[in-house]
Amino acid sequence: MISVIPAIISAAAAIIVCLINNHLQRKRDESKRAAEKEQQQADLKADLTAHLEEVIANQNESTSQIHNEIEMIRYQLSELAKHVDKHNNVIERTYELEKRTELQEEKIKVANHRLSDLEKAVDQ
């Protein structure tokens, strides 16, 4: 029986050492997992930040292109307005010329009629 007590004490000490070792390993593993999780979150934040910066850069480039296109459209509209004004001016001048031509034709008819009347008067 004397040899059983040291064996029980030895077994209890081994179990206590195993429990302490297991507890310490679990703490170390939890620390590693927490550190890995924090690293993953930091990596994710960095990836998201980089992606957002890229999206913002693309948005700024698109906005710049849109502004350039708007300015080009404004320029083209102003040039078109100039052409329309020239066209309208030609139309107005043509209308005035047609009026004058009509008046001149009427005057010619009147002059021809007078000449006919004078020729008739001379013949009699």
Protein backbone atom coordinates (compact mmCIF):
# COMPACT_ATOMS: atom_id res chain seq x y z
CA MET A 1 0.00 0.00 0.00
CA ILE A 2 2.96 2.22 0.60
CA SER A 3 3.83 2.19 -3.10
CA VAL A 4 0.28 3.09 -4.12
CA ILE A 5 0.30 6.50 -2.43
CA PRO A 6 3.34 7.78 -4.34
CA ALA A 7 1.75 6.45 -7.57
CA ILE A 8 -1.48 8.31 -6.81
CA ILE A 9 0.45 11.50 -5.98
CA SER A 10 2.49 11.06 -9.15
CA ALA A 11 -0.65 10.48 -11.24
CA ALA A 12 -2.38 13.50 -9.66
CA ALA A 13 0.69 15.65 -10.35
CA ALA A 14 0.77 14.42 -13.96
CA ILE A 15 -2.95 15.20 -14.37
CA ILE A 16 -2.47 18.69 -12.85
CA VAL A 17 0.50 19.34 -15.14
CA CYS A 18 -1.54 18.15 -18.14
CA LEU A 19 -4.47 20.40 -17.15
CA ILE A 20 -2.17 23.41 -16.70
CA ASN A 21 -0.42 22.67 -20.02
CA ASN A 22 -3.77 22.24 -21.78
CA HIS A 23 -5.01 25.52 -20.30
CA LEU A 24 -1.90 27.39 -21.40
CA GLN A 25 -2.03 25.89 -24.91
CA ARG A 26 -5.70 26.87 -25.23
CA LYS A 27 -4.86 30.45 -24.17
CA ARG A 28 -1.99 30.56 -26.68
CA ASP A 29 -4.24 29.22 -29.46
CA GLU A 30 -6.95 31.73 -28.60
CA SER A 31 -4.36 34.53 -28.70
CA LYS A 32 -3.16 33.32 -32.10
CA ARG A 33 -6.74 33.12 -33.40
CA ALA A 34 -7.49 36.60 -32.07
CA ALA A 35 -4.31 37.95 -33.68
CA GLU A 36 -5.15 36.21 -36.97
CA LYS A 37 -8.70 37.58 -36.83
CA GLU A 38 -7.38 41.10 -36.18
CA GLN A 39 -4.93 40.69 -39.07
CA GLN A 40 -7.73 39.50 -41.35
CA GLN A 41 -9.85 42.48 -40.35
CA ALA A 42 -6.92 44.84 -40.94
CA ASP A 43 -6.29 43.23 -44.35
CA LEU A 44 -9.98 43.50 -45.20
CA LYS A 45 -10.00 47.17 -44.18
CA ALA A 46 -6.91 47.80 -46.30
CA ASP A 47 -8.47 46.00 -49.28
CA LEU A 48 -11.72 47.94 -48.88
CA THR A 49 -9.83 51.22 -48.57
CA ALA A 50 -7.81 50.47 -51.69
CA HIS A 51 -10.98 49.48 -53.57
CA LEU A 52 -12.79 52.62 -52.45
CA GLU A 53 -9.84 54.78 -53.50
CA GLU A 54 -9.90 53.09 -56.92
CA VAL A 55 -13.65 53.64 -57.23
CA ILE A 56 -13.24 57.31 -56.28
CA ALA A 57 -10.40 57.73 -58.79
CA ASN A 58 -12.55 56.13 -61.52
CA GLN A 59 -15.47 58.35 -60.50
CA ASN A 60 -13.29 61.47 -60.69
CA GLU A 61 -12.02 60.40 -64.12
CA SER A 62 -15.58 59.76 -65.32
CA THR A 63 -16.70 63.11 -63.95
CA SER A 64 -13.84 64.81 -65.75
CA GLN A 65 -14.76 63.09 -69.00
CA ILE A 66 -18.39 64.10 -68.57
CA HIS A 67 -17.38 67.73 -67.99
CA ASN A 68 -15.22 67.63 -71.12
CA GLU A 69 -18.10 66.20 -73.15
CA ILE A 70 -20.46 68.86 -71.80
CA GLU A 71 -18.02 71.59 -72.80
CA MET A 72 -17.72 70.05 -76.28
CA ILE A 73 -21.51 69.94 -76.62
CA ARG A 74 -21.74 73.61 -75.53
CA TYR A 75 -19.15 74.56 -78.13
CA GLN A 76 -20.96 72.61 -80.84
CA LEU A 77 -24.27 74.24 -79.86
CA SER A 78 -22.75 77.71 -80.07
CA GLU A 79 -21.33 76.90 -83.52
CA LEU A 80 -24.70 75.53 -84.60
CA ALA A 81 -26.40 78.70 -83.33
CA LYS A 82 -23.99 80.78 -85.46
CA HIS A 83 -24.85 78.71 -88.53
CA VAL A 84 -28.57 79.03 -87.82
CA ASP A 85 -28.20 82.81 -87.47
CA LYS A 86 -26.38 83.00 -90.81
CA HIS A 87 -29.09 80.86 -92.42
CA ASN A 88 -31.86 83.02 -90.96
CA ASN A 89 -30.06 86.14 -92.20
CA VAL A 90 -29.90 84.67 -95.72
CA ILE A 91 -33.60 83.80 -95.58
CA GLU A 92 -34.51 87.34 -94.47
CA ARG A 93 -32.37 88.86 -97.23
CA THR A 94 -33.92 86.51 -99.80
CA TYR A 95 -37.40 87.49 -98.64
CA GLU A 96 -36.49 91.20 -98.99
CA LEU A 97 -35.05 90.56 -102.46
CA GLU A 98 -38.22 88.75 -103.50
CA LYS A 99 -40.29 91.75 -102.35
CA ARG A 100 -38.06 94.11 -104.33
CA THR A 101 -38.21 91.87 -107.39
CA GLU A 102 -42.00 91.77 -107.17
CA LEU A 103 -42.09 95.58 -106.89
CA GLN A 104 -39.71 95.94 -109.86
CA GLU A 105 -41.84 93.56 -111.93
CA GLU A 106 -44.93 95.61 -111.09
CA LYS A 107 -43.11 98.81 -112.10
CA ILE A 108 -42.03 97.18 -115.39
CA LYS A 109 -45.65 96.17 -116.09
CA VAL A 110 -46.81 99.71 -115.40
CA ALA A 111 -44.04 101.15 -117.62
CA ASN A 112 -44.92 98.69 -120.41
CA HIS A 113 -48.58 99.63 -120.10
CA ARG A 114 -47.69 103.35 -120.35
CA LEU A 115 -45.50 102.66 -123.38
CA SER A 116 -48.40 100.78 -124.99
CA ASP A 117 -50.70 103.70 -124.27
CA LEU A 118 -48.17 106.18 -125.69
CA GLU A 119 -47.67 104.05 -128.79
CA LYS A 120 -51.42 103.91 -129.30
CA ALA A 121 -51.68 107.69 -128.83
CA VAL A 122 -48.87 108.30 -131.33
CA ASP A 123 -50.47 105.95 -133.88
CA GLN A 124 -53.77 107.80 -133.83
